[in-house]
Amino acid sequence: MAGDKVLAAARSYPPELAGLWEFPGGKVEPGETEAEALRRECREELGVEIEVGERVGDDLVTGDGKFLVRIYLAEVRSGEPRAVEHSRLRWLTVAEFDDVAWLPGNRQFLDSLRELLTEP
């Protein structure tokens, strides 16, 4: 997150998901907390150091129960995000959320993000 903007990333693979947008992050490795995994994934995929904030929305279980998706707010503390494993990155305002084609699992978090980012 940067002010009132959220970073979105366009998938470059697998082919059936290429071009669809998601929130940066990834899998939690054994022995990692969710916050540690998010910091590691952002370092590896974006080249940035982040501070992990509050969780957004409810849990999402996908892949026939194989995957649990959780979204967290985060702020970039150092570095400039670059697309290492994605085809594109884009900072989106709430008004721009519908300008990109989201992965179905990420789309469910947009309303919760809208509420958080437009709170007075």
PDB file of N, CA and C in Angstrom:
ATOM      1  N   MET A   1       0.833  -1.169   0.000  1.00  0.00           N
ATOM      2  CA  MET A   1       0.000   0.000   0.000  1.00  0.00           C
ATOM      3  C   MET A   1       0.885   1.241   0.000  1.00  0.00           C
ATOM      4  N   ALA A   2       0.475   2.229  -0.740  1.00  0.00           N
ATOM      5  CA  ALA A   2       1.171   3.512  -0.752  1.00  0.00           C
ATOM      6  C   ALA A   2       0.104   4.597  -0.674  1.00  0.00           C
ATOM      7  N   GLY A   3      -0.104   5.123   0.520  1.00  0.00           N
ATOM      8  CA  GLY A   3      -1.158   6.113   0.700  1.00  0.00           C
ATOM      9  C   GLY A   3      -2.509   5.474   0.474  1.00  0.00           C
ATOM     10  N   ASP A   4      -3.205   5.941  -0.545  1.00  0.00           N
ATOM     11  CA  ASP A   4      -4.526   5.384  -0.853  1.00  0.00           C
ATOM     12  C   ASP A   4      -4.474   4.431  -2.043  1.00  0.00           C
ATOM     13  N   LYS A   5      -3.297   3.916  -2.367  1.00  0.00           N
ATOM     14  CA  LYS A   5      -3.150   3.007  -3.506  1.00  0.00           C
ATOM     15  C   LYS A   5      -2.696   1.629  -3.052  1.00  0.00           C
ATOM     16  N   VAL A   6      -3.105   0.625  -3.820  1.00  0.00           N
ATOM     17  CA  VAL A   6      -2.763  -0.771  -3.546  1.00  0.00           C
ATOM     18  C   VAL A   6      -2.000  -1.316  -4.750  1.00  0.00           C
ATOM     19  N   LEU A   7      -0.948  -2.082  -4.482  1.00  0.00           N
ATOM     20  CA  LEU A   7      -0.154  -2.660  -5.566  1.00  0.00           C
ATOM     21  C   LEU A   7      -0.809  -3.942  -6.063  1.00  0.00           C
ATOM     22  N   ALA A   8      -0.993  -4.021  -7.366  1.00  0.00           N
ATOM     23  CA  ALA A   8      -1.516  -5.224  -8.011  1.00  0.00           C
ATOM     24  C   ALA A   8      -0.460  -5.718  -8.994  1.00  0.00           C
ATOM     25  N   ALA A   9      -0.457  -7.033  -9.210  1.00  0.00           N
ATOM     26  CA  ALA A   9       0.544  -7.661 -10.080  1.00  0.00           C
ATOM     27  C   ALA A   9      -0.152  -8.565 -11.088  1.00  0.00           C
ATOM     28  N   ALA A  10       0.242  -8.461 -12.353  1.00  0.00           N
ATOM     29  CA  ALA A  10      -0.326  -9.312 -13.406  1.00  0.00           C
ATOM     30  C   ALA A  10       0.489 -10.594 -13.496  1.00  0.00           C
ATOM     31  N   ARG A  11      -0.205 -11.726 -13.433  1.00  0.00           N
ATOM     32  CA  ARG A  11       0.463 -13.029 -13.504  1.00  0.00           C
ATOM     33  C   ARG A  11       1.117 -13.206 -14.872  1.00  0.00           C
ATOM     34  N   SER A  12       2.268 -13.844 -14.883  1.00  0.00           N
ATOM     35  CA  SER A  12       2.915 -14.164 -16.159  1.00  0.00           C
ATOM     36  C   SER A  12       2.782 -15.663 -16.465  1.00  0.00           C
ATOM     37  N   TYR A  13       2.421 -16.449 -15.481  1.00  0.00           N
ATOM     38  CA  TYR A  13       2.228 -17.895 -15.643  1.00  0.00           C
ATOM     39  C   TYR A  13       1.331 -18.375 -14.516  1.00  0.00           C
ATOM     40  N   PRO A  14       0.784 -19.549 -14.593  1.00  0.00           N
ATOM     41  CA  PRO A  14       0.713 -20.458 -15.737  1.00  0.00           C
ATOM     42  C   PRO A  14      -0.133 -19.845 -16.850  1.00  0.00           C
ATOM     43  N   PRO A  15      -0.055 -20.413 -18.046  1.00  0.00           N
ATOM     44  CA  PRO A  15      -0.725 -19.807 -19.205  1.00  0.00           C
ATOM     45  C   PRO A  15      -2.203 -19.491 -18.983  1.00  0.00           C
ATOM     46  N   GLU A  16      -2.915 -20.349 -18.255  1.00  0.00           N
ATOM     47  CA  GLU A  16      -4.353 -20.114 -18.057  1.00  0.00           C
ATOM     48  C   GLU A  16      -4.639 -18.938 -17.107  1.00  0.00           C
ATOM     49  N   LEU A  17      -3.622 -18.487 -16.377  1.00  0.00           N
ATOM     50  CA  LEU A  17      -3.798 -17.349 -15.469  1.00  0.00           C
ATOM     51  C   LEU A  17      -3.012 -16.120 -15.904  1.00  0.00           C
ATOM     52  N   ALA A  18      -2.197 -16.248 -16.936  1.00  0.00           N
ATOM     53  CA  ALA A  18      -1.370 -15.133 -17.407  1.00  0.00           C
ATOM     54  C   ALA A  18      -2.244 -13.942 -17.765  1.00  0.00           C
ATOM     55  N   GLY A  19      -1.845 -12.769 -17.289  1.00  0.00           N
ATOM     56  CA  GLY A  19      -2.580 -11.542 -17.565  1.00  0.00           C
ATOM     57  C   GLY A  19      -3.622 -11.202 -16.517  1.00  0.00           C
ATOM     58  N   LEU A  20      -3.971 -12.145 -15.652  1.00  0.00           N
ATOM     59  CA  LEU A  20      -4.910 -11.845 -14.580  1.00  0.00           C
ATOM     60  C   LEU A  20      -4.145 -11.220 -13.415  1.00  0.00           C
ATOM     61  N   TRP A  21      -4.831 -10.372 -12.671  1.00  0.00           N
ATOM     62  CA  TRP A  21      -4.194  -9.587 -11.619  1.00  0.00           C
ATOM     63  C   TRP A  21      -4.428 -10.188 -10.240  1.00  0.00           C
ATOM     64  N   GLU A  22      -3.418 -10.006  -9.388  1.00  0.00           N
ATOM     65  CA  GLU A  22      -3.477 -10.527  -8.021  1.00  0.00           C
ATOM     66  C   GLU A  22      -2.757  -9.562  -7.091  1.00  0.00           C
ATOM     67  N   PHE A  23      -2.942  -9.806  -5.799  1.00  0.00           N
ATOM     68  CA  PHE A  23      -2.177  -9.084  -4.810  1.00  0.00           C
ATOM     69  C   PHE A  23      -0.879  -9.841  -4.607  1.00  0.00           C
ATOM     70  N   PRO A  24       0.241  -9.144  -4.470  1.00  0.00           N
ATOM     71  CA  PRO A  24       1.518  -9.826  -4.267  1.00  0.00           C
ATOM     72  C   PRO A  24       1.515 -10.677  -2.995  1.00  0.00           C
ATOM     73  N   GLY A  25       2.302 -11.721  -3.010  1.00  0.00           N
ATOM     74  CA  GLY A  25       2.420 -12.599  -1.854  1.00  0.00           C
ATOM     75  C   GLY A  25       2.730 -14.005  -2.314  1.00  0.00           C
ATOM     76  N   GLY A  26       2.496 -14.962  -1.450  1.00  0.00           N
ATOM     77  CA  GLY A  26       2.769 -16.340  -1.821  1.00  0.00           C
ATOM     78  C   GLY A  26       2.567 -17.293  -0.667  1.00  0.00           C
ATOM     79  N   LYS A  27       3.113 -18.464  -0.834  1.00  0.00           N
ATOM     80  CA  LYS A  27       2.913 -19.541   0.130  1.00  0.00           C
ATOM     81  C   LYS A  27       3.777 -19.365   1.376  1.00  0.00           C
ATOM     82  N   VAL A  28       3.197 -19.789   2.492  1.00  0.00           N
ATOM     83  CA  VAL A  28       3.915 -19.821   3.760  1.00  0.00           C
ATOM     84  C   VAL A  28       4.717 -21.114   3.796  1.00  0.00           C
ATOM     85  N   GLU A  29       6.025 -20.982   4.004  1.00  0.00           N
ATOM     86  CA  GLU A  29       6.906 -22.149   4.086  1.00  0.00           C
ATOM     87  C   GLU A  29       6.891 -22.707   5.513  1.00  0.00           C
ATOM     88  N   PRO A  30       7.205 -23.991   5.666  1.00  0.00           N
ATOM     89  CA  PRO A  30       7.250 -24.567   7.019  1.00  0.00           C
ATOM     90  C   PRO A  30       8.158 -23.748   7.938  1.00  0.00           C
ATOM     91  N   GLY A  31       7.663 -23.461   9.129  1.00  0.00           N
ATOM     92  CA  GLY A  31       8.438 -22.712  10.113  1.00  0.00           C
ATOM     93  C   GLY A  31       8.289 -21.202  10.020  1.00  0.00           C
ATOM     94  N   GLU A  32       7.580 -20.692   8.998  1.00  0.00           N
ATOM     95  CA  GLU A  32       7.377 -19.258   8.826  1.00  0.00           C
ATOM     96  C   GLU A  32       6.025 -18.839   9.387  1.00  0.00           C
ATOM     97  N   THR A  33       5.965 -17.621   9.885  1.00  0.00           N
ATOM     98  CA  THR A  33       4.671 -17.021  10.181  1.00  0.00           C
ATOM     99  C   THR A  33       4.141 -16.431   8.875  1.00  0.00           C
ATOM    100  N   GLU A  34       2.874 -16.056   8.873  1.00  0.00           N
ATOM    101  CA  GLU A  34       2.315 -15.422   7.675  1.00  0.00           C
ATOM    102  C   GLU A  34       3.035 -14.115   7.360  1.00  0.00           C
ATOM    103  N   ALA A  35       3.346 -13.332   8.376  1.00  0.00           N
ATOM    104  CA  ALA A  35       4.048 -12.060   8.159  1.00  0.00           C
ATOM    105  C   ALA A  35       5.448 -12.293   7.599  1.00  0.00           C
ATOM    106  N   GLU A  36       6.154 -13.295   8.118  1.00  0.00           N
ATOM    107  CA  GLU A  36       7.493 -13.605   7.603  1.00  0.00           C
ATOM    108  C   GLU A  36       7.415 -14.038   6.146  1.00  0.00           C
ATOM    109  N   ALA A  37       6.419 -14.845   5.815  1.00  0.00           N
ATOM    110  CA  ALA A  37       6.251 -15.305   4.430  1.00  0.00           C
ATOM    111  C   ALA A  37       5.960 -14.135   3.501  1.00  0.00           C
ATOM    112  N   LEU A  38       5.113 -13.221   3.933  1.00  0.00           N
ATOM    113  CA  LEU A  38       4.781 -12.070   3.097  1.00  0.00           C
ATOM    114  C   LEU A  38       6.002 -11.186   2.875  1.00  0.00           C
ATOM    115  N   ARG A  39       6.784 -10.969   3.930  1.00  0.00           N
ATOM    116  CA  ARG A  39       8.011 -10.174   3.761  1.00  0.00           C
ATOM    117  C   ARG A  39       8.978 -10.865   2.795  1.00  0.00           C
ATOM    118  N   ARG A  40       9.159 -12.182   2.940  1.00  0.00           N
ATOM    119  CA  ARG A  40      10.060 -12.936   2.064  1.00  0.00           C
ATOM    120  C   ARG A  40       9.570 -12.881   0.617  1.00  0.00           C
ATOM    121  N   GLU A  41       8.291 -13.140   0.412  1.00  0.00           N
ATOM    122  CA  GLU A  41       7.742 -13.139  -0.951  1.00  0.00           C
ATOM    123  C   GLU A  41       7.879 -11.770  -1.610  1.00  0.00           C
ATOM    124  N   CYS A  42       7.658 -10.704  -0.869  1.00  0.00           N
ATOM    125  CA  CYS A  42       7.794  -9.364  -1.452  1.00  0.00           C
ATOM    126  C   CYS A  42       9.250  -9.037  -1.770  1.00  0.00           C
ATOM    127  N   ARG A  43      10.163  -9.539  -0.950  1.00  0.00           N
ATOM    128  CA  ARG A  43      11.598  -9.375  -1.253  1.00  0.00           C
ATOM    129  C   ARG A  43      11.938 -10.114  -2.545  1.00  0.00           C
ATOM    130  N   GLU A  44      11.489 -11.379  -2.659  1.00  0.00           N
ATOM    131  CA  GLU A  44      11.817 -12.215  -3.814  1.00  0.00           C
ATOM    132  C   GLU A  44      11.106 -11.764  -5.088  1.00  0.00           C
ATOM    133  N   GLU A  45       9.805 -11.451  -4.989  1.00  0.00           N
ATOM    134  CA  GLU A  45       9.006 -11.154  -6.182  1.00  0.00           C
ATOM    135  C   GLU A  45       8.997  -9.691  -6.595  1.00  0.00           C
ATOM    136  N   LEU A  46       9.277  -8.793  -5.648  1.00  0.00           N
ATOM    137  CA  LEU A  46       9.174  -7.365  -5.936  1.00  0.00           C
ATOM    138  C   LEU A  46      10.454  -6.582  -5.654  1.00  0.00           C
ATOM    139  N   GLY A  47      11.378  -7.191  -4.917  1.00  0.00           N
ATOM    140  CA  GLY A  47      12.613  -6.503  -4.572  1.00  0.00           C
ATOM    141  C   GLY A  47      12.435  -5.397  -3.551  1.00  0.00           C
ATOM    142  N   VAL A  48      11.438  -5.528  -2.660  1.00  0.00           N
ATOM    143  CA  VAL A  48      11.186  -4.503  -1.647  1.00  0.00           C
ATOM    144  C   VAL A  48      11.132  -5.109  -0.251  1.00  0.00           C
ATOM    145  N   GLU A  49      11.386  -4.250   0.725  1.00  0.00           N
ATOM    146  CA  GLU A  49      11.192  -4.600   2.129  1.00  0.00           C
ATOM    147  C   GLU A  49       9.892  -3.944   2.561  1.00  0.00           C
ATOM    148  N   ILE A  50       9.061  -4.703   3.271  1.00  0.00           N
ATOM    149  CA  ILE A  50       7.754  -4.192   3.672  1.00  0.00           C
ATOM    150  C   ILE A  50       7.551  -4.297   5.173  1.00  0.00           C
ATOM    151  N   GLU A  51       6.571  -3.535   5.649  1.00  0.00           N
ATOM    152  CA  GLU A  51       6.059  -3.678   7.009  1.00  0.00           C
ATOM    153  C   GLU A  51       4.640  -4.206   6.871  1.00  0.00           C
ATOM    154  N   VAL A  52       4.361  -5.337   7.478  1.00  0.00           N
ATOM    155  CA  VAL A  52       3.054  -5.977   7.368  1.00  0.00           C
ATOM    156  C   VAL A  52       2.095  -5.343   8.363  1.00  0.00           C
ATOM    157  N   GLY A  53       0.910  -5.009   7.864  1.00  0.00           N
ATOM    158  CA  GLY A  53      -0.125  -4.396   8.686  1.00  0.00           C
ATOM    159  C   GLY A  53      -1.267  -5.354   8.985  1.00  0.00           C
ATOM    160  N   GLU A  54      -2.459  -4.802   9.062  1.00  0.00           N
ATOM    161  CA  GLU A  54      -3.629  -5.582   9.452  1.00  0.00           C
ATOM    162  C   GLU A  54      -4.139  -6.484   8.330  1.00  0.00           C
ATOM    163  N   ARG A  55      -4.824  -7.530   8.757  1.00  0.00           N
ATOM    164  CA  ARG A  55      -5.437  -8.458   7.818  1.00  0.00           C
ATOM    165  C   ARG A  55      -6.698  -7.851   7.228  1.00  0.00           C
ATOM    166  N   VAL A  56      -6.999  -8.204   5.974  1.00  0.00           N
ATOM    167  CA  VAL A  56      -8.147  -7.660   5.261  1.00  0.00           C
ATOM    168  C   VAL A  56      -9.096  -8.793   4.898  1.00  0.00           C
ATOM    169  N   GLY A  57     -10.381  -8.635   5.216  1.00  0.00           N
ATOM    170  CA  GLY A  57     -11.394  -9.597   4.785  1.00  0.00           C
ATOM    171  C   GLY A  57     -11.300 -10.943   5.479  1.00  0.00           C
ATOM    172  N   ASP A  58     -12.091 -11.859   4.952  1.00  0.00           N
ATOM    173  CA  ASP A  58     -12.179 -13.212   5.493  1.00  0.00           C
ATOM    174  C   ASP A  58     -11.243 -14.161   4.764  1.00  0.00           C
ATOM    175  N   ASP A  59     -11.063 -15.334   5.335  1.00  0.00           N
ATOM    176  CA  ASP A  59     -10.272 -16.382   4.685  1.00  0.00           C
ATOM    177  C   ASP A  59     -10.965 -16.845   3.413  1.00  0.00           C
ATOM    178  N   LEU A  60     -10.183 -17.270   2.448  1.00  0.00           N
ATOM    179  CA  LEU A  60     -10.689 -17.885   1.237  1.00  0.00           C
ATOM    180  C   LEU A  60      -9.980 -19.213   1.059  1.00  0.00           C
ATOM    181  N   VAL A  61     -10.750 -20.277   0.940  1.00  0.00           N
ATOM    182  CA  VAL A  61     -10.184 -21.598   0.694  1.00  0.00           C
ATOM    183  C   VAL A  61     -10.405 -21.913  -0.781  1.00  0.00           C
ATOM    184  N   THR A  62      -9.319 -22.266  -1.492  1.00  0.00           N
ATOM    185  CA  THR A  62      -9.395 -22.550  -2.927  1.00  0.00           C
ATOM    186  C   THR A  62      -8.718 -23.879  -3.234  1.00  0.00           C
ATOM    187  N   GLY A  63      -8.721 -24.232  -4.520  1.00  0.00           N
ATOM    188  CA  GLY A  63      -8.015 -25.434  -4.956  1.00  0.00           C
ATOM    189  C   GLY A  63      -8.526 -26.690  -4.298  1.00  0.00           C
ATOM    190  N   ASP A  64      -9.868 -26.821  -4.231  1.00  0.00           N
ATOM    191  CA  ASP A  64     -10.475 -27.989  -3.589  1.00  0.00           C
ATOM    192  C   ASP A  64      -9.963 -28.183  -2.163  1.00  0.00           C
ATOM    193  N   GLY A  65      -9.817 -27.080  -1.442  1.00  0.00           N
ATOM    194  CA  GLY A  65      -9.406 -27.140  -0.054  1.00  0.00           C
ATOM    195  C   GLY A  65      -7.909 -27.180   0.173  1.00  0.00           C
ATOM    196  N   LYS A  66      -7.112 -27.087  -0.893  1.00  0.00           N
ATOM    197  CA  LYS A  66      -5.644 -27.164  -0.759  1.00  0.00           C
ATOM    198  C   LYS A  66      -5.004 -25.857  -0.314  1.00  0.00           C
ATOM    199  N   PHE A  67      -5.639 -24.725  -0.635  1.00  0.00           N
ATOM    200  CA  PHE A  67      -5.013 -23.431  -0.393  1.00  0.00           C
ATOM    201  C   PHE A  67      -5.897 -22.532   0.458  1.00  0.00           C
ATOM    202  N   LEU A  68      -5.267 -21.808   1.367  1.00  0.00           N
ATOM    203  CA  LEU A  68      -5.930 -20.806   2.185  1.00  0.00           C
ATOM    204  C   LEU A  68      -5.347 -19.458   1.787  1.00  0.00           C
ATOM    205  N   VAL A  69      -6.206 -18.541   1.357  1.00  0.00           N
ATOM    206  CA  VAL A  69      -5.755 -17.212   0.927  1.00  0.00           C
ATOM    207  C   VAL A  69      -6.150 -16.193   1.988  1.00  0.00           C
ATOM    208  N   ARG A  70      -5.160 -15.414   2.405  1.00  0.00           N
ATOM    209  CA  ARG A  70      -5.381 -14.304   3.322  1.00  0.00           C
ATOM    210  C   ARG A  70      -4.670 -13.086   2.758  1.00  0.00           C
ATOM    211  N   ILE A  71      -5.283 -11.922   2.942  1.00  0.00           N
ATOM    212  CA  ILE A  71      -4.724 -10.673   2.429  1.00  0.00           C
ATOM    213  C   ILE A  71      -4.383  -9.773   3.619  1.00  0.00           C
ATOM    214  N   TYR A  72      -3.216  -9.127   3.539  1.00  0.00           N
ATOM    215  CA  TYR A  72      -2.775  -8.187   4.560  1.00  0.00           C
ATOM    216  C   TYR A  72      -2.429  -6.860   3.914  1.00  0.00           C
ATOM    217  N   LEU A  73      -2.670  -5.782   4.631  1.00  0.00           N
ATOM    218  CA  LEU A  73      -2.139  -4.497   4.210  1.00  0.00           C
ATOM    219  C   LEU A  73      -0.648  -4.510   4.511  1.00  0.00           C
ATOM    220  N   ALA A  74       0.110  -3.788   3.726  1.00  0.00           N
ATOM    221  CA  ALA A  74       1.548  -3.672   3.961  1.00  0.00           C
ATOM    222  C   ALA A  74       2.027  -2.359   3.359  1.00  0.00           C
ATOM    223  N   GLU A  75       3.108  -1.853   3.913  1.00  0.00           N
ATOM    224  CA  GLU A  75       3.721  -0.637   3.381  1.00  0.00           C
ATOM    225  C   GLU A  75       5.138  -0.933   2.953  1.00  0.00           C
ATOM    226  N   VAL A  76       5.520  -0.382   1.816  1.00  0.00           N
ATOM    227  CA  VAL A  76       6.893  -0.525   1.340  1.00  0.00           C
ATOM    228  C   VAL A  76       7.777   0.346   2.219  1.00  0.00           C
ATOM    229  N   ARG A  77       8.805  -0.256   2.803  1.00  0.00           N
ATOM    230  CA  ARG A  77       9.738   0.460   3.670  1.00  0.00           C
ATOM    231  C   ARG A  77      11.033   0.814   2.947  1.00  0.00           C
ATOM    232  N   SER A  78      11.424  -0.037   1.988  1.00  0.00           N
ATOM    233  CA  SER A  78      12.604   0.302   1.193  1.00  0.00           C
ATOM    234  C   SER A  78      12.529  -0.420  -0.139  1.00  0.00           C
ATOM    235  N   GLY A  79      13.093   0.245  -1.147  1.00  0.00           N
ATOM    236  CA  GLY A  79      13.082  -0.295  -2.496  1.00  0.00           C
ATOM    237  C   GLY A  79      11.903   0.215  -3.297  1.00  0.00           C
ATOM    238  N   GLU A  80      11.976  -0.010  -4.575  1.00  0.00           N
ATOM    239  CA  GLU A  80      10.906   0.357  -5.508  1.00  0.00           C
ATOM    240  C   GLU A  80      10.408  -0.941  -6.132  1.00  0.00           C
ATOM    241  N   PRO A  81       9.118  -1.250  -6.006  1.00  0.00           N
ATOM    242  CA  PRO A  81       8.625  -2.520  -6.549  1.00  0.00           C
ATOM    243  C   PRO A  81       8.940  -2.672  -8.031  1.00  0.00           C
ATOM    244  N   ARG A  82       9.413  -3.866  -8.382  1.00  0.00           N
ATOM    245  CA  ARG A  82       9.659  -4.194  -9.796  1.00  0.00           C
ATOM    246  C   ARG A  82       9.097  -5.588 -10.061  1.00  0.00           C
ATOM    247  N   ALA A  83       8.668  -5.795 -11.278  1.00  0.00           N
ATOM    248  CA  ALA A  83       8.040  -7.065 -11.669  1.00  0.00           C
ATOM    249  C   ALA A  83       9.121  -8.110 -11.931  1.00  0.00           C
ATOM    250  N   VAL A  84       9.456  -8.895 -10.918  1.00  0.00           N
ATOM    251  CA  VAL A  84      10.452  -9.949 -11.055  1.00  0.00           C
ATOM    252  C   VAL A  84       9.797 -11.215 -11.595  1.00  0.00           C
ATOM    253  N   GLU A  85       8.665 -11.608 -11.021  1.00  0.00           N
ATOM    254  CA  GLU A  85       7.969 -12.830 -11.431  1.00  0.00           C
ATOM    255  C   GLU A  85       6.624 -12.552 -12.086  1.00  0.00           C
ATOM    256  N   HIS A  86       6.267 -11.294 -12.227  1.00  0.00           N
ATOM    257  CA  HIS A  86       4.999 -10.905 -12.850  1.00  0.00           C
ATOM    258  C   HIS A  86       5.279 -10.165 -14.155  1.00  0.00           C
ATOM    259  N   SER A  87       4.252 -10.066 -15.002  1.00  0.00           N
ATOM    260  CA  SER A  87       4.447  -9.358 -16.266  1.00  0.00           C
ATOM    261  C   SER A  87       4.333  -7.842 -16.104  1.00  0.00           C
ATOM    262  N   ARG A  88       3.552  -7.405 -15.110  1.00  0.00           N
ATOM    263  CA  ARG A  88       3.359  -5.964 -14.879  1.00  0.00           C
ATOM    264  C   ARG A  88       2.996  -5.730 -13.426  1.00  0.00           C
ATOM    265  N   LEU A  89       3.256  -4.531 -12.964  1.00  0.00           N
ATOM    266  CA  LEU A  89       2.795  -4.062 -11.664  1.00  0.00           C
ATOM    267  C   LEU A  89       2.030  -2.766 -11.885  1.00  0.00           C
ATOM    268  N   ARG A  90       1.085  -2.520 -11.007  1.00  0.00           N
ATOM    269  CA  ARG A  90       0.323  -1.284 -11.129  1.00  0.00           C
ATOM    270  C   ARG A  90      -0.210  -0.873  -9.756  1.00  0.00           C
ATOM    271  N   TRP A  91      -0.012   0.400  -9.407  1.00  0.00           N
ATOM    272  CA  TRP A  91      -0.605   0.958  -8.195  1.00  0.00           C
ATOM    273  C   TRP A  91      -2.020   1.399  -8.541  1.00  0.00           C
ATOM    274  N   LEU A  92      -3.007   0.893  -7.802  1.00  0.00           N
ATOM    275  CA  LEU A  92      -4.410   1.187  -8.096  1.00  0.00           C
ATOM    276  C   LEU A  92      -5.069   1.941  -6.951  1.00  0.00           C
ATOM    277  N   THR A  93      -5.838   2.962  -7.304  1.00  0.00           N
ATOM    278  CA  THR A  93      -6.709   3.606  -6.325  1.00  0.00           C
ATOM    279  C   THR A  93      -7.992   2.778  -6.254  1.00  0.00           C
ATOM    280  N   VAL A  94      -8.817   3.055  -5.262  1.00  0.00           N
ATOM    281  CA  VAL A  94     -10.099   2.361  -5.131  1.00  0.00           C
ATOM    282  C   VAL A  94     -10.908   2.512  -6.421  1.00  0.00           C
ATOM    283  N   ALA A  95     -10.897   3.692  -7.013  1.00  0.00           N
ATOM    284  CA  ALA A  95     -11.659   3.945  -8.243  1.00  0.00           C
ATOM    285  C   ALA A  95     -11.144   3.123  -9.420  1.00  0.00           C
ATOM    286  N   GLU A  96      -9.905   2.643  -9.352  1.00  0.00           N
ATOM    287  CA  GLU A  96      -9.315   1.873 -10.456  1.00  0.00           C
ATOM    288  C   GLU A  96      -9.391   0.358 -10.249  1.00  0.00           C
ATOM    289  N   PHE A  97      -9.931  -0.100  -9.127  1.00  0.00           N
ATOM    290  CA  PHE A  97      -9.979  -1.542  -8.851  1.00  0.00           C
ATOM    291  C   PHE A  97     -10.639  -2.333  -9.979  1.00  0.00           C
ATOM    292  N   ASP A  98     -11.659  -1.766 -10.602  1.00  0.00           N
ATOM    293  CA  ASP A  98     -12.374  -2.491 -11.652  1.00  0.00           C
ATOM    294  C   ASP A  98     -11.740  -2.335 -13.027  1.00  0.00           C
ATOM    295  N   ASP A  99     -10.596  -1.666 -13.109  1.00  0.00           N
ATOM    296  CA  ASP A  99      -9.905  -1.472 -14.388  1.00  0.00           C
ATOM    297  C   ASP A  99      -9.051  -2.667 -14.802  1.00  0.00           C
ATOM    298  N   VAL A 100      -8.862  -3.627 -13.899  1.00  0.00           N
ATOM    299  CA  VAL A 100      -8.042  -4.799 -14.217  1.00  0.00           C
ATOM    300  C   VAL A 100      -8.867  -6.070 -14.019  1.00  0.00           C
ATOM    301  N   ALA A 101      -8.456  -7.137 -14.688  1.00  0.00           N
ATOM    302  CA  ALA A 101      -9.123  -8.440 -14.576  1.00  0.00           C
ATOM    303  C   ALA A 101      -8.465  -9.225 -13.441  1.00  0.00           C
ATOM    304  N   TRP A 102      -9.147  -9.323 -12.306  1.00  0.00           N
ATOM    305  CA  TRP A 102      -8.602  -9.977 -11.119  1.00  0.00           C
ATOM    306  C   TRP A 102      -8.755 -11.486 -11.180  1.00  0.00           C
ATOM    307  N   LEU A 103      -7.817 -12.185 -10.544  1.00  0.00           N
ATOM    308  CA  LEU A 103      -8.012 -13.606 -10.291  1.00  0.00           C
ATOM    309  C   LEU A 103      -9.252 -13.720  -9.415  1.00  0.00           C
ATOM    310  N   PRO A 104     -10.099 -14.717  -9.660  1.00  0.00           N
ATOM    311  CA  PRO A 104     -11.330 -14.836  -8.862  1.00  0.00           C
ATOM    312  C   PRO A 104     -11.075 -14.823  -7.356  1.00  0.00           C
ATOM    313  N   GLY A 105     -10.037 -15.488  -6.896  1.00  0.00           N
ATOM    314  CA  GLY A 105      -9.750 -15.543  -5.472  1.00  0.00           C
ATOM    315  C   GLY A 105      -9.327 -14.211  -4.876  1.00  0.00           C
ATOM    316  N   ASN A 106      -8.815 -13.314  -5.685  1.00  0.00           N
ATOM    317  CA  ASN A 106      -8.406 -12.004  -5.184  1.00  0.00           C
ATOM    318  C   ASN A 106      -9.552 -11.002  -5.259  1.00  0.00           C
ATOM    319  N   ARG A 107     -10.463 -11.211  -6.191  1.00  0.00           N
ATOM    320  CA  ARG A 107     -11.593 -10.299  -6.386  1.00  0.00           C
ATOM    321  C   ARG A 107     -12.437 -10.174  -5.114  1.00  0.00           C
ATOM    322  N   GLN A 108     -12.549 -11.254  -4.357  1.00  0.00           N
ATOM    323  CA  GLN A 108     -13.419 -11.233  -3.177  1.00  0.00           C
ATOM    324  C   GLN A 108     -12.949 -10.249  -2.102  1.00  0.00           C
ATOM    325  N   PHE A 109     -11.707  -9.818  -2.153  1.00  0.00           N
ATOM    326  CA  PHE A 109     -11.168  -8.914  -1.140  1.00  0.00           C
ATOM    327  C   PHE A 109     -11.361  -7.433  -1.486  1.00  0.00           C
ATOM    328  N   LEU A 110     -11.838  -7.143  -2.686  1.00  0.00           N
ATOM    329  CA  LEU A 110     -11.926  -5.748  -3.124  1.00  0.00           C
ATOM    330  C   LEU A 110     -12.877  -4.920  -2.275  1.00  0.00           C
ATOM    331  N   ASP A 111     -14.040  -5.455  -1.901  1.00  0.00           N
ATOM    332  CA  ASP A 111     -14.982  -4.680  -1.096  1.00  0.00           C
ATOM    333  C   ASP A 111     -14.390  -4.340   0.272  1.00  0.00           C
ATOM    334  N   SER A 112     -13.714  -5.297   0.895  1.00  0.00           N
ATOM    335  CA  SER A 112     -13.082  -5.028   2.194  1.00  0.00           C
ATOM    336  C   SER A 112     -12.004  -3.956   2.051  1.00  0.00           C
ATOM    337  N   LEU A 113     -11.224  -4.019   0.979  1.00  0.00           N
ATOM    338  CA  LEU A 113     -10.196  -2.998   0.740  1.00  0.00           C
ATOM    339  C   LEU A 113     -10.821  -1.630   0.487  1.00  0.00           C
ATOM    340  N   ARG A 114     -11.902  -1.615  -0.282  1.00  0.00           N
ATOM    341  CA  ARG A 114     -12.587  -0.342  -0.540  1.00  0.00           C
ATOM    342  C   ARG A 114     -13.006   0.307   0.781  1.00  0.00           C
ATOM    343  N   GLU A 115     -13.592  -0.489   1.667  1.00  0.00           N
ATOM    344  CA  GLU A 115     -14.017   0.042   2.961  1.00  0.00           C
ATOM    345  C   GLU A 115     -12.843   0.597   3.748  1.00  0.00           C
ATOM    346  N   LEU A 116     -11.750  -0.146   3.834  1.00  0.00           N
ATOM    347  CA  LEU A 116     -10.584   0.301   4.589  1.00  0.00           C
ATOM    348  C   LEU A 116      -9.967   1.566   4.024  1.00  0.00           C
ATOM    349  N   LEU A 117      -9.898   1.647   2.701  1.00  0.00           N
ATOM    350  CA  LEU A 117      -9.217   2.772   2.066  1.00  0.00           C
ATOM    351  C   LEU A 117     -10.074   4.027   1.960  1.00  0.00           C
ATOM    352  N   THR A 118     -11.365   3.891   2.181  1.00  0.00           N
ATOM    353  CA  THR A 118     -12.235   5.066   2.088  1.00  0.00           C
ATOM    354  C   THR A 118     -12.783   5.483   3.452  1.00  0.00           C
ATOM    355  N   GLU A 119     -12.336   4.821   4.523  1.00  0.00           N
ATOM    356  CA  GLU A 119     -12.755   5.226   5.871  1.00  0.00           C
ATOM    357  C   GLU A 119     -12.251   6.627   6.157  1.00  0.00           C
ATOM    358  N   PRO A 120     -13.108   7.450   6.810  1.00  0.00           N
ATOM    359  CA  PRO A 120     -12.660   8.804   7.140  1.00  0.00           C
ATOM    360  C   PRO A 120     -11.579   8.823   8.187  1.00  0.00           C
TER     361      PRO A 120
END
